[in-house]
Amino acid sequence: MATAQKERPVIVCTSHRGVFYGMAKDTSGDVIHLKKAKMAIRFGTTRGVMELAATGPTTDSRISAPADIEVRSVTAVFEVTPEAEERWEAA
């Protein structure tokens, strides 16, 4: 019997330079489904995209409105810390 996967917060980067935060169940395929996804239009970080996964967007970041999306051409998936998740949800 297969075990249902739990949604978890992730950041997904694409070959088209897209950086997306959202909730995902499965990040192993060619297409990643993100719920409540937000795009980092501008990072506003001093330590790059990994800072978005560690501590979340800063006051200098520009973050899009949320939407349920499919992300393609994935180059990286980052686990998001609880601190960063809180900031992404508030952005």
Protein backbone atom coordinates (compact mmCIF):
# COMPACT_ATOMS: atom_id res chain seq x y z
CA MET A 1 0.00 0.00 0.00
CA ALA A 2 1.40 3.40 -1.01
CA THR A 3 1.79 6.07 1.62
CA ALA A 4 0.32 9.48 0.82
CA GLN A 5 2.96 12.19 0.63
CA LYS A 6 2.57 15.24 2.83
CA GLU A 7 2.79 18.72 1.33
CA ARG A 8 5.94 20.58 2.29
CA PRO A 9 7.27 24.07 1.53
CA VAL A 10 9.90 24.22 -1.20
CA ILE A 11 11.62 26.66 -3.51
CA VAL A 12 11.92 25.53 -7.11
CA CYS A 13 14.35 27.09 -9.60
CA THR A 14 14.00 26.69 -13.37
CA SER A 15 16.30 26.84 -16.38
CA HIS A 16 14.45 30.04 -17.34
CA ARG A 17 15.70 31.72 -14.13
CA GLY A 18 12.35 31.42 -12.38
CA VAL A 19 12.37 31.13 -8.59
CA PHE A 20 9.13 29.86 -7.06
CA TYR A 21 8.03 29.15 -3.49
CA GLY A 22 5.06 26.87 -2.82
CA MET A 23 3.69 23.72 -1.26
CA ALA A 24 4.56 20.45 -3.04
CA LYS A 25 3.82 16.79 -2.43
CA ASP A 26 6.19 15.32 -5.00
CA THR A 27 9.35 16.97 -6.34
CA SER A 28 10.82 13.98 -8.15
CA GLY A 29 9.31 14.33 -11.63
CA ASP A 30 9.75 16.56 -14.67
CA VAL A 31 6.79 18.68 -13.60
CA ILE A 32 6.34 19.94 -10.04
CA HIS A 33 2.88 21.00 -8.90
CA LEU A 34 2.99 23.91 -6.45
CA LYS A 35 0.01 25.11 -4.46
CA LYS A 36 -0.12 28.70 -3.22
CA ALA A 37 2.99 29.37 -5.32
CA LYS A 38 4.70 32.75 -5.27
CA MET A 39 7.43 33.94 -7.62
CA ALA A 40 10.47 35.85 -6.42
CA ILE A 41 10.43 38.73 -8.89
CA ARG A 42 13.46 40.24 -7.13
CA PHE A 43 15.36 38.39 -4.40
CA GLY A 44 16.35 41.34 -2.22
CA THR A 45 18.84 39.06 -0.47
CA THR A 46 22.55 39.46 0.24
CA ARG A 47 23.32 35.71 0.08
CA GLY A 48 21.41 34.64 -3.04
CA VAL A 49 18.56 32.25 -3.65
CA MET A 50 19.53 29.91 -0.81
CA GLU A 51 18.86 32.73 1.64
CA LEU A 52 15.23 32.62 0.43
CA ALA A 53 15.09 28.98 1.58
CA ALA A 54 16.87 29.62 4.88
CA THR A 55 15.26 32.84 6.12
CA GLY A 56 12.72 33.85 3.47
CA PRO A 57 12.17 37.05 1.51
CA THR A 58 13.54 40.32 2.89
CA THR A 59 11.87 43.72 2.93
CA ASP A 60 13.78 44.45 -0.30
CA SER A 61 12.34 41.37 -2.07
CA ARG A 62 9.54 41.66 -4.63
CA ILE A 63 7.14 38.71 -4.39
CA SER A 64 4.20 37.91 -6.69
CA ALA A 65 0.62 37.13 -5.79
CA PRO A 66 -0.07 33.41 -5.10
CA ALA A 67 -1.44 30.88 -7.61
CA ASP A 68 -1.55 27.11 -8.08
CA ILE A 69 0.97 26.29 -10.84
CA GLU A 70 2.96 23.58 -12.63
CA VAL A 71 6.70 24.26 -12.78
CA ARG A 72 8.71 22.81 -15.68
CA SER A 73 12.41 22.82 -16.63
CA VAL A 74 13.40 22.40 -12.98
CA THR A 75 17.06 22.86 -12.10
CA ALA A 76 16.91 22.81 -8.28
CA VAL A 77 14.55 22.18 -5.37
CA PHE A 78 15.32 23.65 -1.93
CA GLU A 79 13.74 22.64 1.35
CA VAL A 80 12.35 25.68 3.19
CA THR A 81 12.92 26.25 6.91
CA PRO A 82 9.98 27.07 9.21
CA GLU A 83 11.31 30.65 9.56
CA ALA A 84 11.43 31.11 5.79
CA GLU A 85 7.98 29.54 5.34
CA GLU A 86 6.50 32.08 7.75
CA ARG A 87 8.04 34.99 5.81
CA TRP A 88 6.95 33.59 2.43
CA GLU A 89 3.38 33.17 3.67
CA ALA A 90 3.38 36.79 4.93
CA ALA A 91 4.88 38.20 1.70
